[in-house]
Amino acid sequence: MIVVNRFRVPADDPAAEAAFRADLQQAHEALAARPGYLHGGIGRNVDDPTLWVLTTTWEHVGAYRRALSSYDVKLYAVATLSRAVEEPSAYEVVTPESELNTHAARSLP
């Protein structure tokens, strides 16, 4: 599974931008230390420097959800992740042979 978190950070305050960059790096490191993390990275948009992204790839959705509930991620990442643009962030990996997730209730009746 792929997680894409986008952030808006004003580019007119270099100190705030540097602090955000350090916070985002710390958040990424906390997530990367969790079981099920495969890879990820930080980026900044080339056309709009106020737009940043953190992408992470996980073995499955359960690994990602467990990572979010871990103590270290709550301590070092949640405050930064809460600044993300409010939009869906979890994506399933699509390959020619993959069976796509269906839109259905995830609990028992």
PDB file of N, CA and C in Angstrom:
ATOM      1  N   MET A   1       0.842  -1.167   0.000  1.00  0.00           N
ATOM      2  CA  MET A   1       0.000   0.000   0.000  1.00  0.00           C
ATOM      3  C   MET A   1       0.883   1.224   0.000  1.00  0.00           C
ATOM      4  N   ILE A   2       0.411   2.277  -0.624  1.00  0.00           N
ATOM      5  CA  ILE A   2       1.138   3.544  -0.728  1.00  0.00           C
ATOM      6  C   ILE A   2       0.372   4.604   0.047  1.00  0.00           C
ATOM      7  N   VAL A   3       1.099   5.413   0.823  1.00  0.00           N
ATOM      8  CA  VAL A   3       0.488   6.524   1.541  1.00  0.00           C
ATOM      9  C   VAL A   3       1.130   7.809   1.038  1.00  0.00           C
ATOM     10  N   VAL A   4       0.287   8.765   0.649  1.00  0.00           N
ATOM     11  CA  VAL A   4       0.747  10.057   0.146  1.00  0.00           C
ATOM     12  C   VAL A   4       0.168  11.149   1.038  1.00  0.00           C
ATOM     13  N   ASN A   5       1.047  11.832   1.754  1.00  0.00           N
ATOM     14  CA  ASN A   5       0.630  12.958   2.595  1.00  0.00           C
ATOM     15  C   ASN A   5       1.211  14.231   1.995  1.00  0.00           C
ATOM     16  N   ARG A   6       0.323  15.175   1.641  1.00  0.00           N
ATOM     17  CA  ARG A   6       0.771  16.450   1.085  1.00  0.00           C
ATOM     18  C   ARG A   6       0.609  17.539   2.136  1.00  0.00           C
ATOM     19  N   PHE A   7       1.507  18.523   2.077  1.00  0.00           N
ATOM     20  CA  PHE A   7       1.532  19.604   3.058  1.00  0.00           C
ATOM     21  C   PHE A   7       1.704  20.936   2.348  1.00  0.00           C
ATOM     22  N   ARG A   8       1.071  21.976   2.889  1.00  0.00           N
ATOM     23  CA  ARG A   8       1.287  23.349   2.420  1.00  0.00           C
ATOM     24  C   ARG A   8       2.124  24.066   3.470  1.00  0.00           C
ATOM     25  N   VAL A   9       3.256  24.606   3.038  1.00  0.00           N
ATOM     26  CA  VAL A   9       4.168  25.301   3.941  1.00  0.00           C
ATOM     27  C   VAL A   9       4.539  26.633   3.306  1.00  0.00           C
ATOM     28  N   PRO A  10       4.237  27.759   3.952  1.00  0.00           N
ATOM     29  CA  PRO A  10       4.578  29.057   3.370  1.00  0.00           C
ATOM     30  C   PRO A  10       6.072  29.130   3.035  1.00  0.00           C
ATOM     31  N   ALA A  11       6.378  29.605   1.838  1.00  0.00           N
ATOM     32  CA  ALA A  11       7.768  29.681   1.385  1.00  0.00           C
ATOM     33  C   ALA A  11       8.418  31.013   1.738  1.00  0.00           C
ATOM     34  N   ASP A  12       7.653  31.924   2.335  1.00  0.00           N
ATOM     35  CA  ASP A  12       8.191  33.262   2.618  1.00  0.00           C
ATOM     36  C   ASP A  12       8.872  33.354   3.987  1.00  0.00           C
ATOM     37  N   ASP A  13       8.937  32.256   4.722  1.00  0.00           N
ATOM     38  CA  ASP A  13       9.574  32.231   6.038  1.00  0.00           C
ATOM     39  C   ASP A  13      10.591  31.087   6.072  1.00  0.00           C
ATOM     40  N   PRO A  14      11.850  31.368   5.720  1.00  0.00           N
ATOM     41  CA  PRO A  14      12.860  30.302   5.656  1.00  0.00           C
ATOM     42  C   PRO A  14      13.026  29.527   6.963  1.00  0.00           C
ATOM     43  N   ALA A  15      12.896  30.189   8.092  1.00  0.00           N
ATOM     44  CA  ALA A  15      13.047  29.494   9.377  1.00  0.00           C
ATOM     45  C   ALA A  15      11.905  28.494   9.590  1.00  0.00           C
ATOM     46  N   ALA A  16      10.684  28.897   9.280  1.00  0.00           N
ATOM     47  CA  ALA A  16       9.536  27.991   9.420  1.00  0.00           C
ATOM     48  C   ALA A  16       9.650  26.826   8.444  1.00  0.00           C
ATOM     49  N   GLU A  17      10.124  27.116   7.237  1.00  0.00           N
ATOM     50  CA  GLU A  17      10.300  26.058   6.240  1.00  0.00           C
ATOM     51  C   GLU A  17      11.364  25.054   6.709  1.00  0.00           C
ATOM     52  N   ALA A  18      12.458  25.549   7.262  1.00  0.00           N
ATOM     53  CA  ALA A  18      13.511  24.670   7.759  1.00  0.00           C
ATOM     54  C   ALA A  18      13.014  23.828   8.932  1.00  0.00           C
ATOM     55  N   ALA A  19      12.230  24.415   9.809  1.00  0.00           N
ATOM     56  CA  ALA A  19      11.671  23.676  10.941  1.00  0.00           C
ATOM     57  C   ALA A  19      10.714  22.593  10.456  1.00  0.00           C
ATOM     58  N   PHE A  20       9.876  22.930   9.466  1.00  0.00           N
ATOM     59  CA  PHE A  20       8.954  21.930   8.922  1.00  0.00           C
ATOM     60  C   PHE A  20       9.733  20.787   8.278  1.00  0.00           C
ATOM     61  N   ARG A  21      10.757  21.117   7.530  1.00  0.00           N
ATOM     62  CA  ARG A  21      11.569  20.091   6.870  1.00  0.00           C
ATOM     63  C   ARG A  21      12.163  19.135   7.900  1.00  0.00           C
ATOM     64  N   ALA A  22      12.680  19.666   8.995  1.00  0.00           N
ATOM     65  CA  ALA A  22      13.234  18.825  10.059  1.00  0.00           C
ATOM     66  C   ALA A  22      12.146  17.970  10.709  1.00  0.00           C
ATOM     67  N   ASP A  23      10.974  18.559  10.942  1.00  0.00           N
ATOM     68  CA  ASP A  23       9.860  17.811  11.529  1.00  0.00           C
ATOM     69  C   ASP A  23       9.407  16.687  10.601  1.00  0.00           C
ATOM     70  N   LEU A  24       9.348  16.975   9.302  1.00  0.00           N
ATOM     71  CA  LEU A  24       8.914  15.969   8.332  1.00  0.00           C
ATOM     72  C   LEU A  24       9.933  14.834   8.255  1.00  0.00           C
ATOM     73  N   GLN A  25      11.208  15.170   8.324  1.00  0.00           N
ATOM     74  CA  GLN A  25      12.251  14.139   8.332  1.00  0.00           C
ATOM     75  C   GLN A  25      12.114  13.259   9.573  1.00  0.00           C
ATOM     76  N   GLN A  26      11.865  13.866  10.710  1.00  0.00           N
ATOM     77  CA  GLN A  26      11.688  13.115  11.952  1.00  0.00           C
ATOM     78  C   GLN A  26      10.460  12.200  11.862  1.00  0.00           C
ATOM     79  N   ALA A  27       9.375  12.715  11.277  1.00  0.00           N
ATOM     80  CA  ALA A  27       8.169  11.907  11.101  1.00  0.00           C
ATOM     81  C   ALA A  27       8.464  10.709  10.197  1.00  0.00           C
ATOM     82  N   HIS A  28       9.181  10.958   9.111  1.00  0.00           N
ATOM     83  CA  HIS A  28       9.521   9.877   8.187  1.00  0.00           C
ATOM     84  C   HIS A  28      10.378   8.822   8.881  1.00  0.00           C
ATOM     85  N   GLU A  29      11.346   9.250   9.658  1.00  0.00           N
ATOM     86  CA  GLU A  29      12.210   8.308  10.374  1.00  0.00           C
ATOM     87  C   GLU A  29      11.417   7.465  11.373  1.00  0.00           C
ATOM     88  N   ALA A  30      10.462   8.082  12.055  1.00  0.00           N
ATOM     89  CA  ALA A  30       9.630   7.335  13.009  1.00  0.00           C
ATOM     90  C   ALA A  30       8.804   6.277  12.288  1.00  0.00           C
ATOM     91  N   LEU A  31       8.224   6.647  11.152  1.00  0.00           N
ATOM     92  CA  LEU A  31       7.446   5.686  10.372  1.00  0.00           C
ATOM     93  C   LEU A  31       8.339   4.586   9.805  1.00  0.00           C
ATOM     94  N   ALA A  32       9.512   4.958   9.311  1.00  0.00           N
ATOM     95  CA  ALA A  32      10.421   3.992   8.682  1.00  0.00           C
ATOM     96  C   ALA A  32      10.918   2.938   9.661  1.00  0.00           C
ATOM     97  N   ALA A  33      10.901   3.238  10.936  1.00  0.00           N
ATOM     98  CA  ALA A  33      11.366   2.292  11.952  1.00  0.00           C
ATOM     99  C   ALA A  33      10.324   1.228  12.296  1.00  0.00           C
ATOM    100  N   ARG A  34       9.117   1.362  11.770  1.00  0.00           N
ATOM    101  CA  ARG A  34       8.029   0.457  12.136  1.00  0.00           C
ATOM    102  C   ARG A  34       8.017  -0.790  11.253  1.00  0.00           C
ATOM    103  N   PRO A  35       7.596  -1.924  11.811  1.00  0.00           N
ATOM    104  CA  PRO A  35       7.470  -3.147  11.014  1.00  0.00           C
ATOM    105  C   PRO A  35       6.478  -2.941   9.861  1.00  0.00           C
ATOM    106  N   GLY A  36       6.802  -3.472   8.714  1.00  0.00           N
ATOM    107  CA  GLY A  36       5.928  -3.368   7.548  1.00  0.00           C
ATOM    108  C   GLY A  36       6.249  -2.214   6.630  1.00  0.00           C
ATOM    109  N   TYR A  37       7.091  -1.280   7.076  1.00  0.00           N
ATOM    110  CA  TYR A  37       7.523  -0.167   6.223  1.00  0.00           C
ATOM    111  C   TYR A  37       8.450  -0.736   5.154  1.00  0.00           C
ATOM    112  N   LEU A  38       8.229  -0.352   3.894  1.00  0.00           N
ATOM    113  CA  LEU A  38       9.074  -0.824   2.803  1.00  0.00           C
ATOM    114  C   LEU A  38      10.034   0.255   2.308  1.00  0.00           C
ATOM    115  N   HIS A  39       9.498   1.423   1.997  1.00  0.00           N
ATOM    116  CA  HIS A  39      10.340   2.551   1.584  1.00  0.00           C
ATOM    117  C   HIS A  39       9.495   3.813   1.542  1.00  0.00           C
ATOM    118  N   GLY A  40      10.163   4.941   1.368  1.00  0.00           N
ATOM    119  CA  GLY A  40       9.447   6.207   1.313  1.00  0.00           C
ATOM    120  C   GLY A  40      10.402   7.347   1.074  1.00  0.00           C
ATOM    121  N   GLY A  41       9.851   8.548   1.032  1.00  0.00           N
ATOM    122  CA  GLY A  41      10.687   9.712   0.823  1.00  0.00           C
ATOM    123  C   GLY A  41       9.915  11.005   0.980  1.00  0.00           C
ATOM    124  N   ILE A  42      10.681  12.072   0.990  1.00  0.00           N
ATOM    125  CA  ILE A  42      10.154  13.427   1.128  1.00  0.00           C
ATOM    126  C   ILE A  42      10.431  14.173  -0.162  1.00  0.00           C
ATOM    127  N   GLY A  43       9.482  14.994  -0.588  1.00  0.00           N
ATOM    128  CA  GLY A  43       9.691  15.792  -1.789  1.00  0.00           C
ATOM    129  C   GLY A  43       9.043  17.159  -1.661  1.00  0.00           C
ATOM    130  N   ARG A  44       9.483  18.050  -2.527  1.00  0.00           N
ATOM    131  CA  ARG A  44       8.870  19.377  -2.624  1.00  0.00           C
ATOM    132  C   ARG A  44       8.547  19.624  -4.085  1.00  0.00           C
ATOM    133  N   ASN A  45       7.380  20.172  -4.340  1.00  0.00           N
ATOM    134  CA  ASN A  45       6.911  20.393  -5.699  1.00  0.00           C
ATOM    135  C   ASN A  45       7.819  21.375  -6.436  1.00  0.00           C
ATOM    136  N   VAL A  46       8.173  21.050  -7.678  1.00  0.00           N
ATOM    137  CA  VAL A  46       9.081  21.905  -8.443  1.00  0.00           C
ATOM    138  C   VAL A  46       8.395  23.156  -8.978  1.00  0.00           C
ATOM    139  N   ASP A  47       7.090  23.127  -9.148  1.00  0.00           N
ATOM    140  CA  ASP A  47       6.357  24.283  -9.667  1.00  0.00           C
ATOM    141  C   ASP A  47       5.751  25.146  -8.572  1.00  0.00           C
ATOM    142  N   ASP A  48       5.469  24.531  -7.421  1.00  0.00           N
ATOM    143  CA  ASP A  48       4.867  25.244  -6.297  1.00  0.00           C
ATOM    144  C   ASP A  48       5.649  24.890  -5.035  1.00  0.00           C
ATOM    145  N   PRO A  49       6.654  25.685  -4.667  1.00  0.00           N
ATOM    146  CA  PRO A  49       7.507  25.329  -3.536  1.00  0.00           C
ATOM    147  C   PRO A  49       6.820  25.344  -2.172  1.00  0.00           C
ATOM    148  N   THR A  50       5.556  25.733  -2.113  1.00  0.00           N
ATOM    149  CA  THR A  50       4.831  25.649  -0.846  1.00  0.00           C
ATOM    150  C   THR A  50       4.240  24.258  -0.630  1.00  0.00           C
ATOM    151  N   LEU A  51       4.303  23.403  -1.644  1.00  0.00           N
ATOM    152  CA  LEU A  51       3.691  22.078  -1.576  1.00  0.00           C
ATOM    153  C   LEU A  51       4.769  21.007  -1.365  1.00  0.00           C
ATOM    154  N   TRP A  52       4.656  20.305  -0.248  1.00  0.00           N
ATOM    155  CA  TRP A  52       5.574  19.238   0.125  1.00  0.00           C
ATOM    156  C   TRP A  52       4.829  17.911   0.144  1.00  0.00           C
ATOM    157  N   VAL A  53       5.566  16.795   0.074  1.00  0.00           N
ATOM    158  CA  VAL A  53       4.945  15.472   0.102  1.00  0.00           C
ATOM    159  C   VAL A  53       5.817  14.498   0.896  1.00  0.00           C
ATOM    160  N   LEU A  54       5.145  13.628   1.622  1.00  0.00           N
ATOM    161  CA  LEU A  54       5.779  12.480   2.263  1.00  0.00           C
ATOM    162  C   LEU A  54       5.090  11.254   1.692  1.00  0.00           C
ATOM    163  N   THR A  55       5.851  10.382   1.060  1.00  0.00           N
ATOM    164  CA  THR A  55       5.287   9.135   0.549  1.00  0.00           C
ATOM    165  C   THR A  55       5.917   7.970   1.299  1.00  0.00           C
ATOM    166  N   THR A  56       5.096   7.005   1.646  1.00  0.00           N
ATOM    167  CA  THR A  56       5.583   5.786   2.281  1.00  0.00           C
ATOM    168  C   THR A  56       4.884   4.602   1.642  1.00  0.00           C
ATOM    169  N   THR A  57       5.584   3.491   1.585  1.00  0.00           N
ATOM    170  CA  THR A  57       5.026   2.262   1.044  1.00  0.00           C
ATOM    171  C   THR A  57       5.111   1.194   2.127  1.00  0.00           C
ATOM    172  N   TRP A  58       4.028   0.452   2.271  1.00  0.00           N
ATOM    173  CA  TRP A  58       3.868  -0.514   3.353  1.00  0.00           C
ATOM    174  C   TRP A  58       3.509  -1.886   2.806  1.00  0.00           C
ATOM    175  N   GLU A  59       3.814  -2.930   3.587  1.00  0.00           N
ATOM    176  CA  GLU A  59       3.455  -4.290   3.183  1.00  0.00           C
ATOM    177  C   GLU A  59       1.949  -4.433   2.985  1.00  0.00           C
ATOM    178  N   HIS A  60       1.174  -3.806   3.867  1.00  0.00           N
ATOM    179  CA  HIS A  60      -0.287  -3.867   3.779  1.00  0.00           C
ATOM    180  C   HIS A  60      -0.867  -2.790   4.686  1.00  0.00           C
ATOM    181  N   VAL A  61      -2.153  -2.573   4.571  1.00  0.00           N
ATOM    182  CA  VAL A  61      -2.819  -1.505   5.319  1.00  0.00           C
ATOM    183  C   VAL A  61      -2.709  -1.721   6.830  1.00  0.00           C
ATOM    184  N   GLY A  62      -2.728  -2.958   7.276  1.00  0.00           N
ATOM    185  CA  GLY A  62      -2.614  -3.232   8.703  1.00  0.00           C
ATOM    186  C   GLY A  62      -1.289  -2.758   9.278  1.00  0.00           C
ATOM    187  N   ALA A  63      -0.213  -2.941   8.525  1.00  0.00           N
ATOM    188  CA  ALA A  63       1.103  -2.482   8.987  1.00  0.00           C
ATOM    189  C   ALA A  63       1.109  -0.968   9.153  1.00  0.00           C
ATOM    190  N   TYR A  64       0.508  -0.275   8.203  1.00  0.00           N
ATOM    191  CA  TYR A  64       0.458   1.186   8.284  1.00  0.00           C
ATOM    192  C   TYR A  64      -0.388   1.630   9.479  1.00  0.00           C
ATOM    193  N   ARG A  65      -1.523   1.024   9.661  1.00  0.00           N
ATOM    194  CA  ARG A  65      -2.392   1.415  10.782  1.00  0.00           C
ATOM    195  C   ARG A  65      -1.747   1.114  12.129  1.00  0.00           C
ATOM    196  N   ARG A  66      -1.053  -0.008  12.218  1.00  0.00           N
ATOM    197  CA  ARG A  66      -0.341  -0.310  13.463  1.00  0.00           C
ATOM    198  C   ARG A  66       0.789   0.685  13.691  1.00  0.00           C
ATOM    199  N   ALA A  67       1.465   1.098  12.620  1.00  0.00           N
ATOM    200  CA  ALA A  67       2.536   2.096  12.753  1.00  0.00           C
ATOM    201  C   ALA A  67       1.986   3.387  13.331  1.00  0.00           C
ATOM    202  N   LEU A  68       0.828   3.820  12.856  1.00  0.00           N
ATOM    203  CA  LEU A  68       0.237   5.063  13.347  1.00  0.00           C
ATOM    204  C   LEU A  68      -0.109   4.996  14.826  1.00  0.00           C
ATOM    205  N   SER A  69      -0.371   3.806  15.323  1.00  0.00           N
ATOM    206  CA  SER A  69      -0.751   3.687  16.731  1.00  0.00           C
ATOM    207  C   SER A  69       0.447   3.437  17.648  1.00  0.00           C
ATOM    208  N   SER A  70       1.640   3.340  17.091  1.00  0.00           N
ATOM    209  CA  SER A  70       2.820   3.088  17.927  1.00  0.00           C
ATOM    210  C   SER A  70       3.205   4.343  18.716  1.00  0.00           C
ATOM    211  N   TYR A  71       3.823   4.132  19.856  1.00  0.00           N
ATOM    212  CA  TYR A  71       4.202   5.244  20.728  1.00  0.00           C
ATOM    213  C   TYR A  71       5.143   6.221  20.025  1.00  0.00           C
ATOM    214  N   ASP A  72       6.191   5.718  19.383  1.00  0.00           N
ATOM    215  CA  ASP A  72       7.168   6.600  18.738  1.00  0.00           C
ATOM    216  C   ASP A  72       6.554   7.433  17.613  1.00  0.00           C
ATOM    217  N   VAL A  73       5.667   6.841  16.842  1.00  0.00           N
ATOM    218  CA  VAL A  73       5.015   7.601  15.769  1.00  0.00           C
ATOM    219  C   VAL A  73       4.093   8.652  16.364  1.00  0.00           C
ATOM    220  N   LYS A  74       3.367   8.309  17.415  1.00  0.00           N
ATOM    221  CA  LYS A  74       2.532   9.312  18.075  1.00  0.00           C
ATOM    222  C   LYS A  74       3.379  10.460  18.614  1.00  0.00           C
ATOM    223  N   LEU A  75       4.544  10.130  19.147  1.00  0.00           N
ATOM    224  CA  LEU A  75       5.414  11.138  19.736  1.00  0.00           C
ATOM    225  C   LEU A  75       6.128  11.994  18.684  1.00  0.00           C
ATOM    226  N   TYR A  76       6.626  11.370  17.621  1.00  0.00           N
ATOM    227  CA  TYR A  76       7.488  12.074  16.672  1.00  0.00           C
ATOM    228  C   TYR A  76       6.873  12.386  15.315  1.00  0.00           C
ATOM    229  N   ALA A  77       5.689  11.855  15.020  1.00  0.00           N
ATOM    230  CA  ALA A  77       5.149  12.047  13.676  1.00  0.00           C
ATOM    231  C   ALA A  77       3.730  12.607  13.616  1.00  0.00           C
ATOM    232  N   VAL A  78       2.891  12.261  14.562  1.00  0.00           N
ATOM    233  CA  VAL A  78       1.469  12.606  14.455  1.00  0.00           C
ATOM    234  C   VAL A  78       1.245  14.115  14.366  1.00  0.00           C
ATOM    235  N   ALA A  79       1.967  14.898  15.142  1.00  0.00           N
ATOM    236  CA  ALA A  79       1.774  16.359  15.079  1.00  0.00           C
ATOM    237  C   ALA A  79       2.066  16.886  13.685  1.00  0.00           C
ATOM    238  N   THR A  80       3.108  16.377  13.054  1.00  0.00           N
ATOM    239  CA  THR A  80       3.448  16.805  11.690  1.00  0.00           C
ATOM    240  C   THR A  80       2.433  16.262  10.694  1.00  0.00           C
ATOM    241  N   LEU A  81       2.080  14.985  10.806  1.00  0.00           N
ATOM    242  CA  LEU A  81       1.117  14.391   9.882  1.00  0.00           C
ATOM    243  C   LEU A  81      -0.245  15.080   9.974  1.00  0.00           C
ATOM    244  N   SER A  82      -0.575  15.609  11.137  1.00  0.00           N
ATOM    245  CA  SER A  82      -1.869  16.289  11.293  1.00  0.00           C
ATOM    246  C   SER A  82      -1.927  17.594  10.495  1.00  0.00           C
ATOM    247  N   ARG A  83      -0.788  18.072  10.031  1.00  0.00           N
ATOM    248  CA  ARG A  83      -0.738  19.291   9.208  1.00  0.00           C
ATOM    249  C   ARG A  83      -0.979  19.001   7.729  1.00  0.00           C
ATOM    250  N   ALA A  84      -1.158  17.738   7.364  1.00  0.00           N
ATOM    251  CA  ALA A  84      -1.331  17.361   5.958  1.00  0.00           C
ATOM    252  C   ALA A  84      -2.611  17.956   5.386  1.00  0.00           C
ATOM    253  N   VAL A  85      -2.586  18.179   4.080  1.00  0.00           N
ATOM    254  CA  VAL A  85      -3.776  18.605   3.358  1.00  0.00           C
ATOM    255  C   VAL A  85      -4.842  17.541   3.580  1.00  0.00           C
ATOM    256  N   GLU A  86      -6.065  17.976   3.905  1.00  0.00           N
ATOM    257  CA  GLU A  86      -7.126  17.020   4.198  1.00  0.00           C
ATOM    258  C   GLU A  86      -7.660  16.419   2.899  1.00  0.00           C
ATOM    259  N   GLU A  87      -7.220  15.197   2.648  1.00  0.00           N
ATOM    260  CA  GLU A  87      -7.632  14.450   1.458  1.00  0.00           C
ATOM    261  C   GLU A  87      -7.287  12.986   1.696  1.00  0.00           C
ATOM    262  N   PRO A  88      -7.909  12.076   0.956  1.00  0.00           N
ATOM    263  CA  PRO A  88      -7.548  10.661   1.104  1.00  0.00           C
ATOM    264  C   PRO A  88      -6.059  10.471   0.837  1.00  0.00           C
ATOM    265  N   SER A  89      -5.416   9.623   1.627  1.00  0.00           N
ATOM    266  CA  SER A  89      -3.969   9.475   1.495  1.00  0.00           C
ATOM    267  C   SER A  89      -3.507   8.043   1.252  1.00  0.00           C
ATOM    268  N   ALA A  90      -4.354   7.054   1.441  1.00  0.00           N
ATOM    269  CA  ALA A  90      -3.954   5.655   1.294  1.00  0.00           C
ATOM    270  C   ALA A  90      -4.388   5.125  -0.072  1.00  0.00           C
ATOM    271  N   TYR A  91      -3.442   4.491  -0.759  1.00  0.00           N
ATOM    272  CA  TYR A  91      -3.690   3.955  -2.101  1.00  0.00           C
ATOM    273  C   TYR A  91      -3.242   2.505  -2.162  1.00  0.00           C
ATOM    274  N   GLU A  92      -4.014   1.698  -2.871  1.00  0.00           N
ATOM    275  CA  GLU A  92      -3.584   0.325  -3.087  1.00  0.00           C
ATOM    276  C   GLU A  92      -2.674   0.282  -4.309  1.00  0.00           C
ATOM    277  N   VAL A  93      -1.727  -0.633  -4.284  1.00  0.00           N
ATOM    278  CA  VAL A  93      -0.823  -0.816  -5.414  1.00  0.00           C
ATOM    279  C   VAL A  93      -1.578  -1.581  -6.492  1.00  0.00           C
ATOM    280  N   VAL A  94      -1.526  -1.084  -7.715  1.00  0.00           N
ATOM    281  CA  VAL A  94      -2.246  -1.694  -8.825  1.00  0.00           C
ATOM    282  C   VAL A  94      -1.240  -2.293  -9.803  1.00  0.00           C
ATOM    283  N   THR A  95      -1.398  -3.566 -10.054  1.00  0.00           N
ATOM    284  CA  THR A  95      -0.608  -4.266 -11.056  1.00  0.00           C
ATOM    285  C   THR A  95      -1.580  -4.927 -12.024  1.00  0.00           C
ATOM    286  N   PRO A  96      -1.109  -5.371 -13.186  1.00  0.00           N
ATOM    287  CA  PRO A  96      -2.040  -6.000 -14.133  1.00  0.00           C
ATOM    288  C   PRO A  96      -2.805  -7.182 -13.539  1.00  0.00           C
ATOM    289  N   GLU A  97      -2.191  -7.916 -12.624  1.00  0.00           N
ATOM    290  CA  GLU A  97      -2.849  -9.097 -12.066  1.00  0.00           C
ATOM    291  C   GLU A  97      -3.530  -8.861 -10.717  1.00  0.00           C
ATOM    292  N   SER A  98      -3.440  -7.659 -10.170  1.00  0.00           N
ATOM    293  CA  SER A  98      -4.009  -7.441  -8.841  1.00  0.00           C
ATOM    294  C   SER A  98      -5.526  -7.349  -8.881  1.00  0.00           C
ATOM    295  N   GLU A  99      -6.120  -7.869  -7.807  1.00  0.00           N
ATOM    296  CA  GLU A  99      -7.563  -7.742  -7.621  1.00  0.00           C
ATOM    297  C   GLU A  99      -7.767  -6.493  -6.786  1.00  0.00           C
ATOM    298  N   LEU A 100      -8.487  -5.521  -7.324  1.00  0.00           N
ATOM    299  CA  LEU A 100      -8.648  -4.243  -6.647  1.00  0.00           C
ATOM    300  C   LEU A 100      -9.631  -4.340  -5.496  1.00  0.00           C
ATOM    301  N   ASN A 101      -9.380  -3.511  -4.508  1.00  0.00           N
ATOM    302  CA  ASN A 101     -10.258  -3.404  -3.375  1.00  0.00           C
ATOM    303  C   ASN A 101     -11.636  -2.952  -3.856  1.00  0.00           C
ATOM    304  N   THR A 102     -12.659  -3.421  -3.210  1.00  0.00           N
ATOM    305  CA  THR A 102     -14.002  -3.012  -3.583  1.00  0.00           C
ATOM    306  C   THR A 102     -14.563  -2.083  -2.518  1.00  0.00           C
ATOM    307  N   HIS A 103     -15.468  -1.221  -2.904  1.00  0.00           N
ATOM    308  CA  HIS A 103     -16.110  -0.312  -1.977  1.00  0.00           C
ATOM    309  C   HIS A 103     -17.174  -1.077  -1.216  1.00  0.00           C
ATOM    310  N   ALA A 104     -16.865  -1.439   0.031  1.00  0.00           N
ATOM    311  CA  ALA A 104     -17.805  -2.214   0.841  1.00  0.00           C
ATOM    312  C   ALA A 104     -17.527  -1.951   2.311  1.00  0.00           C
ATOM    313  N   ALA A 105     -18.515  -2.232   3.122  1.00  0.00           N
ATOM    314  CA  ALA A 105     -18.343  -2.085   4.575  1.00  0.00           C
ATOM    315  C   ALA A 105     -17.245  -3.015   5.052  1.00  0.00           C
ATOM    316  N   ARG A 106     -16.453  -2.571   6.029  1.00  0.00           N
ATOM    317  CA  ARG A 106     -15.337  -3.374   6.525  1.00  0.00           C
ATOM    318  C   ARG A 106     -15.647  -4.036   7.863  1.00  0.00           C
ATOM    319  N   SER A 107     -16.894  -3.973   8.308  1.00  0.00           N
ATOM    320  CA  SER A 107     -17.254  -4.630   9.563  1.00  0.00           C
ATOM    321  C   SER A 107     -18.345  -5.655   9.310  1.00  0.00           C
ATOM    322  N   LEU A 108     -18.495  -6.539  10.239  1.00  0.00           N
ATOM    323  CA  LEU A 108     -19.534  -7.560  10.117  1.00  0.00           C
ATOM    324  C   LEU A 108     -20.899  -6.945  10.419  1.00  0.00           C
ATOM    325  N   PRO A 109     -21.942  -7.482   9.794  1.00  0.00           N
ATOM    326  CA  PRO A 109     -23.299  -6.934  10.049  1.00  0.00           C
ATOM    327  C   PRO A 109     -23.764  -7.156  11.456  1.00  0.00           C
TER     328      PRO A 109
END
